Amino acid sequence: MADLNTELKQYIIEALNLEDMTPDDIDNDAPLFGEGLGLDSIDALELIVLMEKHYGIRLASAAEGKEIFKSIQTMADYVAKNRKK
């Protein structure tokens, strides 16, 4: 699972152009939105695209995304259970 966490962090850094960050800068359990990484609703759209592109996962609703995108760990858990690629 640690490899999946690092992979997700790298994809997020690339997709959101977080050039000054490395995967080590992102805590697995820190919130992605608000106080943690500080992502916003536009970034959420990028995360949805990332999930589909890299893992073949289509989210059914925004509410589902809100739960999945709480942290790197919640994303990794969801990807591990639902990935198609």
PDB file of N, CA and C in Angstrom:
ATOM      1  N   MET A   1       0.828  -1.203   0.000  1.00  0.00           N
ATOM      2  CA  MET A   1       0.000   0.000   0.000  1.00  0.00           C
ATOM      3  C   MET A   1       0.867   1.259   0.000  1.00  0.00           C
ATOM      4  N   ALA A   2       2.043   1.182   0.618  1.00  0.00           N
ATOM      5  CA  ALA A   2       2.917   2.359   0.660  1.00  0.00           C
ATOM      6  C   ALA A   2       3.303   2.803  -0.746  1.00  0.00           C
ATOM      7  N   ASP A   3       3.515   1.836  -1.643  1.00  0.00           N
ATOM      8  CA  ASP A   3       3.856   2.175  -3.021  1.00  0.00           C
ATOM      9  C   ASP A   3       2.700   2.895  -3.707  1.00  0.00           C
ATOM     10  N   LEU A   4       1.475   2.452  -3.449  1.00  0.00           N
ATOM     11  CA  LEU A   4       0.296   3.096  -4.033  1.00  0.00           C
ATOM     12  C   LEU A   4       0.161   4.522  -3.499  1.00  0.00           C
ATOM     13  N   ASN A   5       0.415   4.716  -2.212  1.00  0.00           N
ATOM     14  CA  ASN A   5       0.368   6.067  -1.631  1.00  0.00           C
ATOM     15  C   ASN A   5       1.364   6.981  -2.333  1.00  0.00           C
ATOM     16  N   THR A   6       2.586   6.514  -2.514  1.00  0.00           N
ATOM     17  CA  THR A   6       3.621   7.314  -3.173  1.00  0.00           C
ATOM     18  C   THR A   6       3.241   7.591  -4.621  1.00  0.00           C
ATOM     19  N   GLU A   7       2.709   6.573  -5.301  1.00  0.00           N
ATOM     20  CA  GLU A   7       2.271   6.740  -6.686  1.00  0.00           C
ATOM     21  C   GLU A   7       1.174   7.805  -6.785  1.00  0.00           C
ATOM     22  N   LEU A   8       0.200   7.748  -5.897  1.00  0.00           N
ATOM     23  CA  LEU A   8      -0.872   8.751  -5.893  1.00  0.00           C
ATOM     24  C   LEU A   8      -0.316  10.152  -5.641  1.00  0.00           C
ATOM     25  N   LYS A   9       0.586  10.262  -4.697  1.00  0.00           N
ATOM     26  CA  LYS A   9       1.193  11.568  -4.398  1.00  0.00           C
ATOM     27  C   LYS A   9       1.889  12.120  -5.640  1.00  0.00           C
ATOM     28  N   GLN A  10       2.631  11.260  -6.344  1.00  0.00           N
ATOM     29  CA  GLN A  10       3.351  11.704  -7.534  1.00  0.00           C
ATOM     30  C   GLN A  10       2.378  12.155  -8.619  1.00  0.00           C
ATOM     31  N   TYR A  11       1.311  11.390  -8.828  1.00  0.00           N
ATOM     32  CA  TYR A  11       0.302  11.778  -9.818  1.00  0.00           C
ATOM     33  C   TYR A  11      -0.345  13.115  -9.453  1.00  0.00           C
ATOM     34  N   ILE A  12      -0.633  13.318  -8.173  1.00  0.00           N
ATOM     35  CA  ILE A  12      -1.246  14.570  -7.722  1.00  0.00           C
ATOM     36  C   ILE A  12      -0.294  15.745  -7.947  1.00  0.00           C
ATOM     37  N   ILE A  13       0.957  15.565  -7.607  1.00  0.00           N
ATOM     38  CA  ILE A  13       1.957  16.622  -7.801  1.00  0.00           C
ATOM     39  C   ILE A  13       2.039  16.999  -9.279  1.00  0.00           C
ATOM     40  N   GLU A  14       2.049  15.995 -10.155  1.00  0.00           N
ATOM     41  CA  GLU A  14       2.124  16.262 -11.596  1.00  0.00           C
ATOM     42  C   GLU A  14       0.840  16.905 -12.114  1.00  0.00           C
ATOM     43  N   ALA A  15      -0.311  16.346 -11.745  1.00  0.00           N
ATOM     44  CA  ALA A  15      -1.598  16.828 -12.266  1.00  0.00           C
ATOM     45  C   ALA A  15      -1.905  18.255 -11.821  1.00  0.00           C
ATOM     46  N   LEU A  16      -1.495  18.590 -10.600  1.00  0.00           N
ATOM     47  CA  LEU A  16      -1.821  19.905 -10.053  1.00  0.00           C
ATOM     48  C   LEU A  16      -0.652  20.885 -10.122  1.00  0.00           C
ATOM     49  N   ASN A  17       0.421  20.476 -10.785  1.00  0.00           N
ATOM     50  CA  ASN A  17       1.602  21.332 -10.940  1.00  0.00           C
ATOM     51  C   ASN A  17       2.122  21.858  -9.606  1.00  0.00           C
ATOM     52  N   LEU A  18       2.251  20.982  -8.644  1.00  0.00           N
ATOM     53  CA  LEU A  18       2.794  21.348  -7.326  1.00  0.00           C
ATOM     54  C   LEU A  18       4.309  21.178  -7.376  1.00  0.00           C
ATOM     55  N   GLU A  19       4.957  22.018  -8.165  1.00  0.00           N
ATOM     56  CA  GLU A  19       6.361  21.858  -8.502  1.00  0.00           C
ATOM     57  C   GLU A  19       7.315  21.875  -7.312  1.00  0.00           C
ATOM     58  N   ASP A  20       6.964  22.586  -6.259  1.00  0.00           N
ATOM     59  CA  ASP A  20       7.865  22.700  -5.122  1.00  0.00           C
ATOM     60  C   ASP A  20       7.681  21.575  -4.107  1.00  0.00           C
ATOM     61  N   MET A  21       6.837  20.600  -4.412  1.00  0.00           N
ATOM     62  CA  MET A  21       6.550  19.525  -3.473  1.00  0.00           C
ATOM     63  C   MET A  21       7.127  18.196  -3.949  1.00  0.00           C
ATOM     64  N   THR A  22       7.402  17.333  -2.987  1.00  0.00           N
ATOM     65  CA  THR A  22       7.791  15.958  -3.273  1.00  0.00           C
ATOM     66  C   THR A  22       6.779  15.056  -2.564  1.00  0.00           C
ATOM     67  N   PRO A  23       6.716  13.776  -2.937  1.00  0.00           N
ATOM     68  CA  PRO A  23       5.802  12.878  -2.239  1.00  0.00           C
ATOM     69  C   PRO A  23       6.011  12.862  -0.722  1.00  0.00           C
ATOM     70  N   ASP A  24       7.250  13.049  -0.285  1.00  0.00           N
ATOM     71  CA  ASP A  24       7.539  13.056   1.163  1.00  0.00           C
ATOM     72  C   ASP A  24       6.916  14.259   1.878  1.00  0.00           C
ATOM     73  N   ASP A  25       6.593  15.307   1.138  1.00  0.00           N
ATOM     74  CA  ASP A  25       5.993  16.504   1.734  1.00  0.00           C
ATOM     75  C   ASP A  25       4.511  16.324   2.059  1.00  0.00           C
ATOM     76  N   ILE A  26       3.899  15.279   1.513  1.00  0.00           N
ATOM     77  CA  ILE A  26       2.464  15.075   1.692  1.00  0.00           C
ATOM     78  C   ILE A  26       2.234  13.936   2.681  1.00  0.00           C
ATOM     79  N   ASP A  27       1.574  14.243   3.777  1.00  0.00           N
ATOM     80  CA  ASP A  27       1.255  13.245   4.800  1.00  0.00           C
ATOM     81  C   ASP A  27       0.098  12.377   4.304  1.00  0.00           C
ATOM     82  N   ASN A  28       0.210  11.071   4.478  1.00  0.00           N
ATOM     83  CA  ASN A  28      -0.834  10.147   4.018  1.00  0.00           C
ATOM     84  C   ASN A  28      -2.197  10.419   4.637  1.00  0.00           C
ATOM     85  N   ASP A  29      -2.215  10.915   5.866  1.00  0.00           N
ATOM     86  CA  ASP A  29      -3.480  11.115   6.576  1.00  0.00           C
ATOM     87  C   ASP A  29      -3.921  12.574   6.655  1.00  0.00           C
ATOM     88  N   ALA A  30      -3.145  13.484   6.092  1.00  0.00           N
ATOM     89  CA  ALA A  30      -3.514  14.901   6.125  1.00  0.00           C
ATOM     90  C   ALA A  30      -4.669  15.157   5.162  1.00  0.00           C
ATOM     91  N   PRO A  31      -5.570  16.063   5.516  1.00  0.00           N
ATOM     92  CA  PRO A  31      -6.668  16.400   4.603  1.00  0.00           C
ATOM     93  C   PRO A  31      -6.117  16.966   3.287  1.00  0.00           C
ATOM     94  N   LEU A  32      -6.738  16.585   2.183  1.00  0.00           N
ATOM     95  CA  LEU A  32      -6.316  17.125   0.892  1.00  0.00           C
ATOM     96  C   LEU A  32      -6.908  18.502   0.651  1.00  0.00           C
ATOM     97  N   PHE A  33      -8.088  18.747   1.225  1.00  0.00           N
ATOM     98  CA  PHE A  33      -8.775  20.029   1.037  1.00  0.00           C
ATOM     99  C   PHE A  33      -8.750  20.810   2.339  1.00  0.00           C
ATOM    100  N   GLY A  34      -8.878  22.135   2.220  1.00  0.00           N
ATOM    101  CA  GLY A  34      -8.885  22.963   3.431  1.00  0.00           C
ATOM    102  C   GLY A  34      -7.487  23.090   4.000  1.00  0.00           C
ATOM    103  N   GLU A  35      -7.361  22.797   5.278  1.00  0.00           N
ATOM    104  CA  GLU A  35      -6.102  23.050   5.983  1.00  0.00           C
ATOM    105  C   GLU A  35      -4.931  22.176   5.546  1.00  0.00           C
ATOM    106  N   GLY A  36      -5.180  20.950   5.147  1.00  0.00           N
ATOM    107  CA  GLY A  36      -4.087  20.048   4.776  1.00  0.00           C
ATOM    108  C   GLY A  36      -3.309  20.538   3.577  1.00  0.00           C
ATOM    109  N   LEU A  37      -3.529  19.913   2.445  1.00  0.00           N
ATOM    110  CA  LEU A  37      -2.822  20.275   1.215  1.00  0.00           C
ATOM    111  C   LEU A  37      -3.386  21.545   0.595  1.00  0.00           C
ATOM    112  N   GLY A  38      -4.602  21.919   0.993  1.00  0.00           N
ATOM    113  CA  GLY A  38      -5.192  23.177   0.534  1.00  0.00           C
ATOM    114  C   GLY A  38      -5.782  23.139  -0.863  1.00  0.00           C
ATOM    115  N   LEU A  39      -6.225  21.971  -1.298  1.00  0.00           N
ATOM    116  CA  LEU A  39      -6.818  21.868  -2.630  1.00  0.00           C
ATOM    117  C   LEU A  39      -8.202  22.511  -2.648  1.00  0.00           C
ATOM    118  N   ASP A  40      -8.682  22.827  -3.875  1.00  0.00           N
ATOM    119  CA  ASP A  40     -10.010  23.440  -4.019  1.00  0.00           C
ATOM    120  C   ASP A  40     -10.858  22.629  -5.000  1.00  0.00           C
ATOM    121  N   SER A  41     -12.027  23.148  -5.352  1.00  0.00           N
ATOM    122  CA  SER A  41     -12.962  22.400  -6.193  1.00  0.00           C
ATOM    123  C   SER A  41     -12.415  22.135  -7.595  1.00  0.00           C
ATOM    124  N   ILE A  42     -11.617  23.032  -8.128  1.00  0.00           N
ATOM    125  CA  ILE A  42     -10.997  22.806  -9.437  1.00  0.00           C
ATOM    126  C   ILE A  42     -10.021  21.637  -9.342  1.00  0.00           C
ATOM    127  N   ASP A  43      -9.290  21.584  -8.246  1.00  0.00           N
ATOM    128  CA  ASP A  43      -8.359  20.478  -8.025  1.00  0.00           C
ATOM    129  C   ASP A  43      -9.115  19.157  -7.912  1.00  0.00           C
ATOM    130  N   ALA A  44     -10.309  19.190  -7.332  1.00  0.00           N
ATOM    131  CA  ALA A  44     -11.120  17.972  -7.207  1.00  0.00           C
ATOM    132  C   ALA A  44     -11.434  17.399  -8.581  1.00  0.00           C
ATOM    133  N   LEU A  45     -11.715  18.265  -9.542  1.00  0.00           N
ATOM    134  CA  LEU A  45     -11.965  17.803 -10.907  1.00  0.00           C
ATOM    135  C   LEU A  45     -10.738  17.110 -11.486  1.00  0.00           C
ATOM    136  N   GLU A  46      -9.571  17.663 -11.198  1.00  0.00           N
ATOM    137  CA  GLU A  46      -8.318  17.047 -11.651  1.00  0.00           C
ATOM    138  C   GLU A  46      -8.120  15.674 -11.023  1.00  0.00           C
ATOM    139  N   LEU A  47      -8.504  15.539  -9.748  1.00  0.00           N
ATOM    140  CA  LEU A  47      -8.377  14.244  -9.073  1.00  0.00           C
ATOM    141  C   LEU A  47      -9.315  13.209  -9.697  1.00  0.00           C
ATOM    142  N   ILE A  48     -10.501  13.650 -10.088  1.00  0.00           N
ATOM    143  CA  ILE A  48     -11.455  12.748 -10.735  1.00  0.00           C
ATOM    144  C   ILE A  48     -10.873  12.246 -12.064  1.00  0.00           C
ATOM    145  N   VAL A  49     -10.292  13.150 -12.832  1.00  0.00           N
ATOM    146  CA  VAL A  49      -9.663  12.782 -14.108  1.00  0.00           C
ATOM    147  C   VAL A  49      -8.495  11.824 -13.853  1.00  0.00           C
ATOM    148  N   LEU A  50      -7.701  12.117 -12.846  1.00  0.00           N
ATOM    149  CA  LEU A  50      -6.560  11.280 -12.487  1.00  0.00           C
ATOM    150  C   LEU A  50      -7.006   9.851 -12.162  1.00  0.00           C
ATOM    151  N   MET A  51      -8.074   9.712 -11.395  1.00  0.00           N
ATOM    152  CA  MET A  51      -8.578   8.385 -11.005  1.00  0.00           C
ATOM    153  C   MET A  51      -9.007   7.587 -12.239  1.00  0.00           C
ATOM    154  N   GLU A  52      -9.660   8.261 -13.173  1.00  0.00           N
ATOM    155  CA  GLU A  52     -10.121   7.564 -14.371  1.00  0.00           C
ATOM    156  C   GLU A  52      -8.956   7.210 -15.286  1.00  0.00           C
ATOM    157  N   LYS A  53      -8.060   8.158 -15.481  1.00  0.00           N
ATOM    158  CA  LYS A  53      -6.939   7.974 -16.405  1.00  0.00           C
ATOM    159  C   LYS A  53      -5.978   6.871 -15.946  1.00  0.00           C
ATOM    160  N   HIS A  54      -5.601   6.897 -14.680  1.00  0.00           N
ATOM    161  CA  HIS A  54      -4.571   5.978 -14.194  1.00  0.00           C
ATOM    162  C   HIS A  54      -5.111   4.671 -13.630  1.00  0.00           C
ATOM    163  N   TYR A  55      -6.349   4.680 -13.170  1.00  0.00           N
ATOM    164  CA  TYR A  55      -6.868   3.489 -12.490  1.00  0.00           C
ATOM    165  C   TYR A  55      -8.180   2.966 -13.071  1.00  0.00           C
ATOM    166  N   GLY A  56      -8.726   3.640 -14.082  1.00  0.00           N
ATOM    167  CA  GLY A  56      -9.970   3.185 -14.698  1.00  0.00           C
ATOM    168  C   GLY A  56     -11.175   3.306 -13.786  1.00  0.00           C
ATOM    169  N   ILE A  57     -11.110   4.202 -12.806  1.00  0.00           N
ATOM    170  CA  ILE A  57     -12.193   4.367 -11.837  1.00  0.00           C
ATOM    171  C   ILE A  57     -13.020   5.596 -12.200  1.00  0.00           C
ATOM    172  N   ARG A  58     -14.321   5.385 -12.372  1.00  0.00           N
ATOM    173  CA  ARG A  58     -15.260   6.492 -12.607  1.00  0.00           C
ATOM    174  C   ARG A  58     -16.072   6.683 -11.344  1.00  0.00           C
ATOM    175  N   LEU A  59     -16.081   7.889 -10.843  1.00  0.00           N
ATOM    176  CA  LEU A  59     -16.847   8.178  -9.631  1.00  0.00           C
ATOM    177  C   LEU A  59     -18.313   8.426  -9.987  1.00  0.00           C
ATOM    178  N   ALA A  60     -19.189   7.892  -9.168  1.00  0.00           N
ATOM    179  CA  ALA A  60     -20.625   7.983  -9.432  1.00  0.00           C
ATOM    180  C   ALA A  60     -21.190   9.356  -9.091  1.00  0.00           C
ATOM    181  N   SER A  61     -20.622  10.020  -8.082  1.00  0.00           N
ATOM    182  CA  SER A  61     -21.185  11.304  -7.660  1.00  0.00           C
ATOM    183  C   SER A  61     -20.134  12.156  -6.955  1.00  0.00           C
ATOM    184  N   ALA A  62     -20.448  13.436  -6.834  1.00  0.00           N
ATOM    185  CA  ALA A  62     -19.557  14.353  -6.119  1.00  0.00           C
ATOM    186  C   ALA A  62     -19.457  13.965  -4.647  1.00  0.00           C
ATOM    187  N   ALA A  63     -20.565  13.498  -4.087  1.00  0.00           N
ATOM    188  CA  ALA A  63     -20.560  13.083  -2.680  1.00  0.00           C
ATOM    189  C   ALA A  63     -19.594  11.920  -2.468  1.00  0.00           C
ATOM    190  N   GLU A  64     -19.560  11.006  -3.411  1.00  0.00           N
ATOM    191  CA  GLU A  64     -18.632   9.879  -3.335  1.00  0.00           C
ATOM    192  C   GLU A  64     -17.192  10.400  -3.366  1.00  0.00           C
ATOM    193  N   GLY A  65     -16.929  11.351  -4.255  1.00  0.00           N
ATOM    194  CA  GLY A  65     -15.598  11.939  -4.353  1.00  0.00           C
ATOM    195  C   GLY A  65     -15.178  12.622  -3.071  1.00  0.00           C
ATOM    196  N   LYS A  66     -16.108  13.278  -2.422  1.00  0.00           N
ATOM    197  CA  LYS A  66     -15.804  13.979  -1.180  1.00  0.00           C
ATOM    198  C   LYS A  66     -15.276  13.016  -0.113  1.00  0.00           C
ATOM    199  N   GLU A  67     -15.863  11.835  -0.057  1.00  0.00           N
ATOM    200  CA  GLU A  67     -15.406  10.820   0.906  1.00  0.00           C
ATOM    201  C   GLU A  67     -14.060  10.236   0.495  1.00  0.00           C
ATOM    202  N   ILE A  68     -13.906   9.951  -0.778  1.00  0.00           N
ATOM    203  CA  ILE A  68     -12.685   9.319  -1.278  1.00  0.00           C
ATOM    204  C   ILE A  68     -11.489  10.255  -1.176  1.00  0.00           C
ATOM    205  N   PHE A  69     -11.691  11.535  -1.454  1.00  0.00           N
ATOM    206  CA  PHE A  69     -10.589  12.494  -1.508  1.00  0.00           C
ATOM    207  C   PHE A  69     -10.284  13.161  -0.166  1.00  0.00           C
ATOM    208  N   LYS A  70     -10.628  12.530   0.939  1.00  0.00           N
ATOM    209  CA  LYS A  70     -10.314  13.112   2.256  1.00  0.00           C
ATOM    210  C   LYS A  70      -8.806  13.187   2.474  1.00  0.00           C
ATOM    211  N   SER A  71      -8.095  12.136   2.080  1.00  0.00           N
ATOM    212  CA  SER A  71      -6.645  12.088   2.280  1.00  0.00           C
ATOM    213  C   SER A  71      -6.035  11.125   1.266  1.00  0.00           C
ATOM    214  N   ILE A  72      -4.722  11.094   1.215  1.00  0.00           N
ATOM    215  CA  ILE A  72      -4.033  10.134   0.346  1.00  0.00           C
ATOM    216  C   ILE A  72      -4.430   8.719   0.760  1.00  0.00           C
ATOM    217  N   GLN A  73      -4.507   8.474   2.052  1.00  0.00           N
ATOM    218  CA  GLN A  73      -4.825   7.131   2.535  1.00  0.00           C
ATOM    219  C   GLN A  73      -6.217   6.686   2.095  1.00  0.00           C
ATOM    220  N   THR A  74      -7.215   7.572   2.169  1.00  0.00           N
ATOM    221  CA  THR A  74      -8.563   7.177   1.740  1.00  0.00           C
ATOM    222  C   THR A  74      -8.602   6.949   0.230  1.00  0.00           C
ATOM    223  N   MET A  75      -7.834   7.735  -0.509  1.00  0.00           N
ATOM    224  CA  MET A  75      -7.752   7.522  -1.961  1.00  0.00           C
ATOM    225  C   MET A  75      -7.106   6.171  -2.260  1.00  0.00           C
ATOM    226  N   ALA A  76      -5.998   5.873  -1.578  1.00  0.00           N
ATOM    227  CA  ALA A  76      -5.277   4.616  -1.812  1.00  0.00           C
ATOM    228  C   ALA A  76      -6.153   3.415  -1.470  1.00  0.00           C
ATOM    229  N   ASP A  77      -6.888   3.498  -0.363  1.00  0.00           N
ATOM    230  CA  ASP A  77      -7.779   2.406   0.025  1.00  0.00           C
ATOM    231  C   ASP A  77      -8.831   2.170  -1.051  1.00  0.00           C
ATOM    232  N   TYR A  78      -9.411   3.240  -1.566  1.00  0.00           N
ATOM    233  CA  TYR A  78     -10.447   3.140  -2.587  1.00  0.00           C
ATOM    234  C   TYR A  78      -9.873   2.570  -3.887  1.00  0.00           C
ATOM    235  N   VAL A  79      -8.718   3.062  -4.296  1.00  0.00           N
ATOM    236  CA  VAL A  79      -8.086   2.582  -5.529  1.00  0.00           C
ATOM    237  C   VAL A  79      -7.753   1.095  -5.407  1.00  0.00           C
ATOM    238  N   ALA A  80      -7.216   0.691  -4.276  1.00  0.00           N
ATOM    239  CA  ALA A  80      -6.842  -0.714  -4.082  1.00  0.00           C
ATOM    240  C   ALA A  80      -8.043  -1.644  -4.245  1.00  0.00           C
ATOM    241  N   LYS A  81      -9.206  -1.196  -3.808  1.00  0.00           N
ATOM    242  CA  LYS A  81     -10.418  -2.026  -3.872  1.00  0.00           C
ATOM    243  C   LYS A  81     -11.136  -1.946  -5.214  1.00  0.00           C
ATOM    244  N   ASN A  82     -10.956  -0.848  -5.966  1.00  0.00           N
ATOM    245  CA  ASN A  82     -11.796  -0.593  -7.142  1.00  0.00           C
ATOM    246  C   ASN A  82     -11.066  -0.404  -8.461  1.00  0.00           C
ATOM    247  N   ARG A  83      -9.742  -0.511  -8.464  1.00  0.00           N
ATOM    248  CA  ARG A  83      -9.010  -0.213  -9.689  1.00  0.00           C
ATOM    249  C   ARG A  83      -9.335  -1.206 -10.796  1.00  0.00           C
ATOM    250  N   LYS A  84      -9.360  -0.675 -12.005  1.00  0.00           N
ATOM    251  CA  LYS A  84      -9.633  -1.478 -13.196  1.00  0.00           C
ATOM    252  C   LYS A  84      -8.363  -1.648 -14.029  1.00  0.00           C
ATOM    253  N   LYS A  85      -7.376  -0.808 -13.769  1.00  0.00           N
ATOM    254  CA  LYS A  85      -6.105  -0.847 -14.517  1.00  0.00           C
ATOM    255  C   LYS A  85      -4.981  -1.246 -13.576  1.00  0.00           C
TER     256      LYS A  85
END
